[in-house]
Amino acid sequence: MDQETISPESDFDPMADEFTADQHRELKRLREESPVAYSSQFGGFWALTRRADLVNAARNHEQLINSILHTVPHGLAGNTRPLMHSDQPEHTIYKDVIQKVLGSDELRDRVVSEVRQRAKELVAKIASEGTGDLATEYADPLMGFAITSIFNIEEVTGDEMDRTIRDYVIGGQVRAAQLAQDASARMFSITKNLLDDRRENPRDPSTDLATALVQAQEAGILVDEEKVLGAQRQPLVIVWLATAHTLTNIFRRLLTDHGLTAKLRAEPELIADSVDEFLRMDQPQIGFARSSTVDLEFGGRRIPAGSAIALVFPAGNRDPEAFEDPETFMIGRTPNPHLAFGHGIHSCPGRSIARGLVQTAIEELLAGTADFELSIPVSEVPNEHWPFRASLSLPATVQAR
């Protein structure tokens, strides 16, 4: 295999300021000009941007595997945190246990009820003060609380969980390894204590993941102690990161699209019909990845075995081949085959809870305020960089009802 095939000319730099400033603009350019793009960043990787390629890649779990890496760039974790770090048949063994819990209607309904009350409190505080940050004072702490509710964690508060995971994510963003490692160690301690408690004090395994994991381990279904720990630890980050970042993107939209905000305020019953369109347009994860085990071809480009391939789902969510007028927000868009929860065997097992959390957070923000405006020009809103797409801060003036 010649050198040109192994290291082609770079099509984009995901860490460039212009990419971070407007990721959707840059992803649209790639989708139109180089839909199977190569970047020399992070040791070199490929990026798929068309929905059809993304679906085909996500379904090809035999030749595109997760156990080598699951994000570009590679994170702190090794191969000890299912679901995202494992391949078949191990992946399905863990997913079956996790899916039964996170797919529970009973769990979803309880969590949404508890999160709704916390949302009311957070919105009321911001509204009473007349100013607040909808990212760091609403989306983030709301998801910290949601994690303690979903996983029945009593050792720490939602705010403490929020601070821990925020340290982990920020540490990764700014390459502050010690900050991220310390936060990860705190999460592992919380997780180990949770599993140890459930061994002595089991709860309903249909609604308590820690109990379900422990019982599956005791039954010999799950056999790797480190991976059982990872199976409980990983969702702490994923739930916070995916949902808080999605909410931050949604709130940025509501702060800047005054027509949409006014319509949803006037007709709150439309919020439920808008959730999937928010998810389509405002998905934050752009760096999910696979590793190729054989030479593959996408869009006429040959990708060598051993390559890192980013599945840029947000780019596929705006592919005009799959969505009519994809840059326009359409309430109740039908069909809406978005990829916000991924695709294939590695798709998100907590999608029902996630939808409920997103809808609840929007409903309570609009119900608890009469109006809000960004306090700074939208061009000055700080953005996270690859592998995420989200605003770090959304300072706003808020008018109470």
Protein backbone atom coordinates (compact mmCIF):
# COMPACT_ATOMS: atom_id res chain seq x y z
CA MET A 1 0.00 0.00 0.00
CA ASP A 2 1.56 3.30 -1.04
CA GLN A 3 2.14 6.28 1.26
CA GLU A 4 -0.46 8.41 -0.50
CA THR A 5 -3.15 5.87 0.31
CA ILE A 6 -2.09 5.70 3.95
CA SER A 7 -1.76 9.45 4.48
CA PRO A 8 -3.80 11.45 1.96
CA GLU A 9 -3.94 15.20 1.94
CA SER A 10 -5.91 16.58 4.85
CA ASP A 11 -9.40 17.82 3.94
CA PHE A 12 -10.11 19.65 7.20
CA ASP A 13 -8.81 20.55 10.63
CA PRO A 14 -11.45 19.90 13.33
CA MET A 15 -9.45 21.99 15.82
CA ALA A 16 -9.25 25.09 13.62
CA ASP A 17 -10.95 28.20 14.97
CA GLU A 18 -13.21 28.48 11.93
CA PHE A 19 -14.38 24.89 12.40
CA THR A 20 -15.21 25.40 16.08
CA ALA A 21 -16.90 28.75 15.40
CA ASP A 22 -19.51 27.20 13.08
CA GLN A 23 -19.26 23.44 12.94
CA HIS A 24 -22.43 22.92 10.94
CA ARG A 25 -21.20 25.29 8.24
CA GLU A 26 -17.95 23.35 7.99
CA LEU A 27 -19.70 19.98 8.07
CA LYS A 28 -22.01 21.11 5.27
CA ARG A 29 -18.96 22.09 3.23
CA LEU A 30 -17.40 18.68 3.80
CA ARG A 31 -20.62 16.86 2.97
CA GLU A 32 -20.82 18.75 -0.34
CA GLU A 33 -17.13 18.81 -1.29
CA SER A 34 -15.55 15.82 0.44
CA PRO A 35 -18.23 13.66 2.08
CA VAL A 36 -15.65 11.06 3.06
CA ALA A 37 -13.08 13.43 4.49
CA TYR A 38 -9.60 12.87 5.89
CA SER A 39 -7.97 14.86 8.68
CA SER A 40 -4.37 14.58 9.80
CA GLN A 41 -5.33 15.61 13.35
CA PHE A 42 -5.15 13.10 16.22
CA GLY A 43 -2.84 10.81 14.26
CA GLY A 44 -5.09 10.84 11.22
CA PHE A 45 -8.72 9.82 10.84
CA TRP A 46 -11.58 9.69 8.34
CA ALA A 47 -14.96 11.37 8.77
CA LEU A 48 -18.24 10.22 7.22
CA THR A 49 -20.80 13.00 6.71
CA ARG A 50 -23.58 11.57 4.53
CA ARG A 51 -26.46 9.79 6.20
CA ALA A 52 -26.36 6.74 3.91
CA ASP A 53 -22.65 6.18 4.62
CA LEU A 54 -23.21 6.67 8.33
CA VAL A 55 -26.03 4.12 8.43
CA ASN A 56 -23.99 1.59 6.46
CA ALA A 57 -21.00 2.10 8.74
CA ALA A 58 -23.07 1.83 11.92
CA ARG A 59 -24.59 -1.43 10.71
CA ASN A 60 -21.22 -2.92 9.79
CA HIS A 61 -20.17 -3.88 13.30
CA GLU A 62 -18.08 -6.81 12.08
CA GLN A 63 -15.63 -4.76 10.00
CA LEU A 64 -15.94 -1.50 11.95
CA ILE A 65 -15.31 -2.25 15.61
CA ASN A 66 -15.49 -0.33 18.88
CA SER A 67 -13.00 -2.15 21.05
CA ILE A 68 -9.95 -0.25 19.75
CA LEU A 69 -11.45 3.23 20.07
CA HIS A 70 -14.93 4.70 20.23
CA THR A 71 -14.14 8.40 19.86
CA VAL A 72 -11.72 10.54 17.90
CA PRO A 73 -9.51 11.51 19.62
CA HIS A 74 -9.08 8.51 21.89
CA GLY A 75 -10.32 9.22 25.41
CA LEU A 76 -8.87 8.32 28.80
CA ALA A 77 -10.59 4.96 28.95
CA GLY A 78 -9.30 1.63 27.80
CA ASN A 79 -11.54 -1.23 26.70
CA THR A 80 -13.32 -1.64 30.03
CA ARG A 81 -16.51 0.39 29.64
CA PRO A 82 -19.33 -1.24 27.76
CA LEU A 83 -21.40 -0.47 25.83
CA MET A 84 -19.28 1.75 23.65
CA HIS A 85 -15.98 -0.07 24.09
CA SER A 86 -17.03 -3.62 23.27
CA ASP A 87 -17.75 -5.74 20.20
CA GLN A 88 -19.94 -8.75 19.57
CA PRO A 89 -20.84 -11.03 21.21
CA GLU A 90 -19.84 -9.29 24.44
CA HIS A 91 -21.61 -6.07 23.49
CA THR A 92 -25.07 -7.61 23.32
CA ILE A 93 -24.61 -9.43 26.62
CA TYR A 94 -24.12 -6.10 28.38
CA LYS A 95 -26.67 -4.20 26.30
CA ASP A 96 -29.43 -6.68 27.09
CA VAL A 97 -28.94 -6.03 30.82
CA ILE A 98 -28.70 -2.27 30.44
CA GLN A 99 -31.54 -1.95 27.89
CA LYS A 100 -34.04 -3.69 30.16
CA VAL A 101 -33.46 -1.08 32.86
CA LEU A 102 -33.06 2.10 30.82
CA GLY A 103 -35.95 1.11 28.55
CA SER A 104 -38.32 0.78 31.50
CA ASP A 105 -41.43 2.98 31.27
CA GLU A 106 -41.67 2.93 35.06
CA LEU A 107 -38.14 4.25 35.43
CA ARG A 108 -38.68 6.91 32.75
CA ASP A 109 -41.89 8.17 34.34
CA ARG A 110 -40.36 8.41 37.81
CA VAL A 111 -37.22 10.15 36.57
CA VAL A 112 -39.14 12.64 34.45
CA SER A 113 -41.36 13.50 37.42
CA GLU A 114 -38.40 14.07 39.73
CA VAL A 115 -36.45 16.01 37.09
CA ARG A 116 -39.48 18.20 36.38
CA GLN A 117 -39.56 19.35 39.98
CA ARG A 118 -35.84 20.13 39.93
CA ALA A 119 -36.28 22.00 36.63
CA LYS A 120 -38.98 24.17 38.17
CA GLU A 121 -36.64 25.07 41.04
CA LEU A 122 -33.71 25.94 38.77
CA VAL A 123 -35.84 28.03 36.40
CA ALA A 124 -37.53 29.84 39.28
CA LYS A 125 -34.15 30.80 40.73
CA ILE A 126 -32.88 32.17 37.42
CA ALA A 127 -36.15 34.00 36.75
CA SER A 128 -36.25 35.56 40.21
CA GLU A 129 -32.71 36.88 39.77
CA GLY A 130 -33.45 38.19 36.29
CA THR A 131 -30.25 36.75 34.90
CA GLY A 132 -28.56 33.39 34.65
CA ASP A 133 -26.58 31.02 32.49
CA LEU A 134 -28.88 28.54 30.77
CA ALA A 135 -25.94 26.17 30.20
CA THR A 136 -24.12 26.12 33.54
CA GLU A 137 -27.05 27.05 35.79
CA TYR A 138 -29.82 25.04 34.16
CA ALA A 139 -28.84 22.37 31.59
CA ASP A 140 -25.76 21.08 33.41
CA PRO A 141 -27.06 20.91 36.99
CA LEU A 142 -30.38 19.52 35.77
CA MET A 143 -28.54 16.60 34.19
CA GLY A 144 -26.38 16.14 37.27
CA PHE A 145 -29.62 15.69 39.19
CA ALA A 146 -31.02 13.42 36.48
CA ILE A 147 -28.07 11.06 36.86
CA THR A 148 -28.65 10.65 40.59
CA SER A 149 -32.32 9.99 39.84
CA ILE A 150 -31.82 7.51 36.98
CA PHE A 151 -29.22 5.44 38.82
CA ASN A 152 -30.58 5.88 42.37
CA ILE A 153 -27.35 7.45 43.63
CA GLU A 154 -27.58 8.78 47.17
CA GLU A 155 -23.90 9.18 48.01
CA VAL A 156 -23.65 12.56 46.24
CA THR A 157 -26.06 15.32 45.30
CA GLY A 158 -26.97 16.24 41.76
CA ASP A 159 -24.87 19.40 42.02
CA GLU A 160 -21.86 17.40 43.21
CA MET A 161 -22.32 14.97 40.34
CA ASP A 162 -22.57 17.88 37.91
CA ARG A 163 -19.29 19.38 39.16
CA THR A 164 -17.49 16.04 38.95
CA ILE A 165 -18.55 15.25 35.41
CA ARG A 166 -18.00 18.83 34.30
CA ASP A 167 -14.40 18.60 35.58
CA TYR A 168 -13.97 15.38 33.61
CA VAL A 169 -15.32 16.86 30.38
CA ILE A 170 -13.51 20.19 30.71
CA GLY A 171 -10.30 18.37 31.56
CA GLY A 172 -10.59 16.49 28.30
CA GLN A 173 -11.41 19.62 26.32
CA VAL A 174 -8.44 21.66 27.56
CA ARG A 175 -6.13 18.63 27.84
CA ALA A 176 -5.85 19.04 31.60
CA ALA A 177 -5.10 15.38 32.25
CA GLN A 178 -4.90 15.60 36.04
CA LEU A 179 -8.28 17.36 36.33
CA ALA A 180 -9.91 14.72 34.14
CA GLN A 181 -8.18 11.83 35.93
CA ASP A 182 -9.18 13.09 39.37
CA ALA A 183 -12.79 13.47 38.26
CA SER A 184 -12.75 10.01 36.70
CA ALA A 185 -11.40 8.55 39.94
CA ARG A 186 -14.26 10.19 41.87
CA MET A 187 -16.78 8.66 39.47
CA PHE A 188 -15.22 5.23 39.82
CA SER A 189 -15.38 5.55 43.62
CA ILE A 190 -19.07 6.50 43.47
CA THR A 191 -19.71 3.60 41.09
CA LYS A 192 -17.86 1.02 43.18
CA ASN A 193 -19.68 2.12 46.33
CA LEU A 194 -22.99 1.89 44.46
CA LEU A 195 -22.33 -1.67 43.26
CA ASP A 196 -21.03 -2.74 46.67
CA ASP A 197 -24.19 -1.41 48.30
CA ARG A 198 -26.47 -3.28 45.89
CA ARG A 199 -24.70 -6.54 46.68
CA GLU A 200 -25.80 -6.06 50.29
CA ASN A 201 -29.01 -4.11 49.67
CA PRO A 202 -30.50 -5.09 46.30
CA ARG A 203 -33.31 -3.05 44.77
CA ASP A 204 -35.75 -3.76 41.97
CA PRO A 205 -33.50 -4.91 39.09
CA SER A 206 -36.06 -3.73 36.53
CA THR A 207 -35.49 -0.10 37.52
CA ASP A 208 -32.06 -0.11 39.21
CA LEU A 209 -29.10 -0.65 36.91
CA ALA A 210 -26.60 -1.37 39.67
CA THR A 211 -28.77 -4.18 41.02
CA ALA A 212 -29.33 -5.57 37.52
CA LEU A 213 -25.59 -5.61 36.85
CA VAL A 214 -24.76 -7.23 40.18
CA GLN A 215 -27.40 -9.93 39.73
CA ALA A 216 -26.25 -10.63 36.16
CA GLN A 217 -22.71 -10.98 37.51
CA GLU A 218 -23.84 -13.32 40.28
CA ALA A 219 -25.72 -15.39 37.70
CA GLY A 220 -22.59 -15.73 35.60
CA ILE A 221 -23.97 -13.68 32.69
CA LEU A 222 -21.38 -10.95 33.22
CA VAL A 223 -17.97 -12.29 34.20
CA ASP A 224 -15.51 -9.39 34.08
CA GLU A 225 -15.51 -7.38 37.32
CA GLU A 226 -13.77 -4.41 35.73
CA LYS A 227 -16.29 -4.26 32.91
CA VAL A 228 -19.24 -4.53 35.28
CA LEU A 229 -17.80 -1.48 37.04
CA GLY A 230 -17.36 0.22 33.67
CA ALA A 231 -20.90 -0.63 32.59
CA GLN A 232 -22.21 1.39 35.55
CA ARG A 233 -19.58 4.13 35.34
CA GLN A 234 -19.84 4.96 31.65
CA PRO A 235 -23.53 6.04 31.63
CA LEU A 236 -22.77 8.70 34.24
CA VAL A 237 -20.73 10.62 31.68
CA ILE A 238 -22.80 9.74 28.62
CA VAL A 239 -26.14 10.79 30.12
CA TRP A 240 -24.75 14.08 31.39
CA LEU A 241 -22.69 14.89 28.34
CA ALA A 242 -25.15 13.93 25.62
CA THR A 243 -28.25 15.36 27.25
CA ALA A 244 -26.79 18.48 28.86
CA HIS A 245 -25.01 19.38 25.62
CA THR A 246 -28.17 18.74 23.61
CA LEU A 247 -30.11 21.01 25.94
CA THR A 248 -27.47 23.71 25.71
CA ASN A 249 -27.73 23.62 21.90
CA ILE A 250 -31.52 23.72 22.14
CA PHE A 251 -31.45 26.69 24.52
CA ARG A 252 -29.09 28.53 22.21
CA ARG A 253 -31.62 27.97 19.43
CA LEU A 254 -34.46 29.25 21.61
CA LEU A 255 -32.42 32.31 22.58
CA THR A 256 -31.75 33.20 18.95
CA ASP A 257 -34.82 31.93 17.05
CA HIS A 258 -37.42 34.26 18.52
CA GLY A 259 -40.17 33.12 16.18
CA LEU A 260 -39.82 29.48 17.23
CA THR A 261 -39.65 30.42 20.91
CA ALA A 262 -42.75 32.60 20.67
CA LYS A 263 -44.69 29.83 18.92
CA LEU A 264 -43.78 27.22 21.53
CA ARG A 265 -44.63 29.64 24.34
CA ALA A 266 -48.02 30.32 22.80
CA GLU A 267 -48.68 26.66 21.98
CA PRO A 268 -46.80 24.53 24.52
CA GLU A 269 -48.57 21.41 23.27
CA LEU A 270 -46.27 21.65 20.23
CA ILE A 271 -43.16 21.03 22.34
CA ALA A 272 -43.72 17.27 22.32
CA ASP A 273 -43.94 17.34 18.52
CA SER A 274 -40.71 19.36 18.37
CA VAL A 275 -38.46 17.09 20.43
CA ASP A 276 -37.20 14.96 17.54
CA GLU A 277 -36.54 18.02 15.40
CA PHE A 278 -34.51 19.54 18.22
CA LEU A 279 -32.60 16.26 18.48
CA ARG A 280 -31.99 16.20 14.72
CA MET A 281 -30.68 19.73 14.53
CA ASP A 282 -28.93 20.04 17.88
CA GLN A 283 -27.16 16.72 18.47
CA PRO A 284 -23.79 17.50 20.11
CA GLN A 285 -21.56 14.45 19.52
CA ILE A 286 -19.48 14.70 16.36
CA GLY A 287 -16.59 12.41 17.24
CA PHE A 288 -18.04 8.92 17.74
CA ALA A 289 -15.74 6.52 15.93
CA ARG A 290 -14.95 3.00 14.82
CA SER A 291 -11.78 1.20 13.71
CA SER A 292 -11.67 -0.61 10.39
CA THR A 293 -10.48 -4.21 10.44
CA VAL A 294 -10.27 -4.49 6.63
CA ASP A 295 -9.86 -2.13 3.69
CA LEU A 296 -13.20 -0.43 3.03
CA GLU A 297 -14.64 1.95 0.48
CA PHE A 298 -17.05 4.80 1.16
CA GLY A 299 -18.05 7.40 -1.39
CA GLY A 300 -15.38 6.21 -3.81
CA ARG A 301 -12.55 6.62 -1.29
CA ARG A 302 -10.52 3.68 -0.07
CA ILE A 303 -10.03 3.55 3.68
CA PRO A 304 -7.22 1.21 4.77
CA ALA A 305 -7.58 -1.40 7.47
CA GLY A 306 -6.60 -0.06 10.86
CA SER A 307 -8.03 3.42 10.21
CA ALA A 308 -9.99 5.51 12.68
CA ILE A 309 -13.34 6.51 11.19
CA ALA A 310 -15.50 9.19 12.80
CA LEU A 311 -19.25 8.75 12.37
CA VAL A 312 -20.33 12.39 12.23
CA PHE A 313 -24.01 11.84 12.94
CA PRO A 314 -24.92 15.57 13.15
CA ALA A 315 -23.72 15.99 9.56
CA GLY A 316 -25.98 13.12 8.45
CA ASN A 317 -28.87 14.75 10.28
CA ARG A 318 -28.73 17.63 7.80
CA ASP A 319 -28.13 15.62 4.66
CA PRO A 320 -30.47 16.94 1.92
CA GLU A 321 -30.58 13.44 0.44
CA ALA A 322 -32.46 12.33 3.55
CA PHE A 323 -34.22 15.47 4.80
CA GLU A 324 -36.29 18.00 2.90
CA ASP A 325 -35.02 21.54 3.53
CA PRO A 326 -32.64 20.20 6.18
CA GLU A 327 -31.49 23.56 7.57
CA THR A 328 -35.06 24.55 8.49
CA PHE A 329 -36.57 23.64 11.84
CA MET A 330 -39.91 21.93 11.12
CA ILE A 331 -42.20 21.22 14.06
CA GLY A 332 -43.53 17.69 13.64
CA ARG A 333 -41.24 16.88 10.69
CA THR A 334 -42.33 13.58 9.17
CA PRO A 335 -40.48 11.43 8.41
CA ASN A 336 -37.57 12.33 10.65
CA PRO A 337 -34.98 9.53 10.47
CA HIS A 338 -32.37 11.41 12.50
CA LEU A 339 -29.32 9.77 13.99
CA ALA A 340 -29.27 11.55 17.33
CA PHE A 341 -29.25 8.22 19.15
CA GLY A 342 -26.81 6.61 16.74
CA HIS A 343 -27.74 3.60 14.65
CA GLY A 344 -27.22 -0.14 14.68
CA ILE A 345 -26.30 -2.25 17.66
CA HIS A 346 -24.48 0.62 19.38
CA SER A 347 -27.51 2.94 19.36
CA CYS A 348 -28.42 4.55 22.67
CA PRO A 349 -30.38 2.30 25.08
CA GLY A 350 -31.64 5.30 27.05
CA ARG A 351 -33.46 7.11 24.24
CA SER A 352 -36.86 6.99 25.93
CA ILE A 353 -35.55 8.64 29.09
CA ALA A 354 -33.53 11.13 27.02
CA ARG A 355 -36.60 12.23 25.06
CA GLY A 356 -38.51 12.70 28.31
CA LEU A 357 -35.71 14.77 29.85
CA VAL A 358 -35.39 17.03 26.79
CA GLN A 359 -39.12 17.64 26.58
CA THR A 360 -39.39 18.33 30.32
CA ALA A 361 -36.47 20.78 30.34
CA ILE A 362 -37.91 22.79 27.44
CA GLU A 363 -41.42 22.80 28.90
CA GLU A 364 -40.30 24.06 32.29
CA LEU A 365 -37.98 26.71 30.87
CA LEU A 366 -40.74 28.20 28.73
CA ALA A 367 -43.43 27.76 31.40
CA GLY A 368 -41.32 29.46 34.06
CA THR A 369 -40.24 32.50 32.03
CA ALA A 370 -41.97 35.22 30.08
CA ASP A 371 -38.96 36.07 27.95
CA PHE A 372 -35.19 35.70 27.74
CA GLU A 373 -32.34 37.15 25.70
CA LEU A 374 -28.66 36.39 25.34
CA SER A 375 -26.60 38.83 27.40
CA ILE A 376 -23.73 38.76 24.90
CA PRO A 377 -23.58 38.77 21.09
CA VAL A 378 -24.07 35.27 19.71
CA SER A 379 -20.66 35.55 18.05
CA GLU A 380 -19.09 35.76 21.52
CA VAL A 381 -20.71 32.61 22.90
CA PRO A 382 -17.86 30.20 23.73
CA ASN A 383 -18.07 26.85 21.98
CA GLU A 384 -16.69 23.45 22.77
CA HIS A 385 -14.46 21.96 20.13
CA TRP A 386 -14.34 18.55 18.49
CA PRO A 387 -15.45 15.89 19.49
CA PHE A 388 -18.42 17.91 20.75
CA ARG A 389 -20.63 20.66 19.41
CA ALA A 390 -22.11 22.75 22.20
CA SER A 391 -21.94 26.15 23.84
CA LEU A 392 -19.95 26.33 27.05
CA SER A 393 -21.97 29.23 28.40
CA LEU A 394 -25.30 30.92 27.63
CA PRO A 395 -25.57 34.03 29.83
CA ALA A 396 -29.06 35.45 29.53
CA THR A 397 -31.37 38.06 30.91
CA VAL A 398 -34.57 36.38 32.00
CA GLN A 399 -38.02 37.82 32.61
CA ALA A 400 -40.23 35.97 35.09
CA ARG A 401 -43.86 35.21 34.32
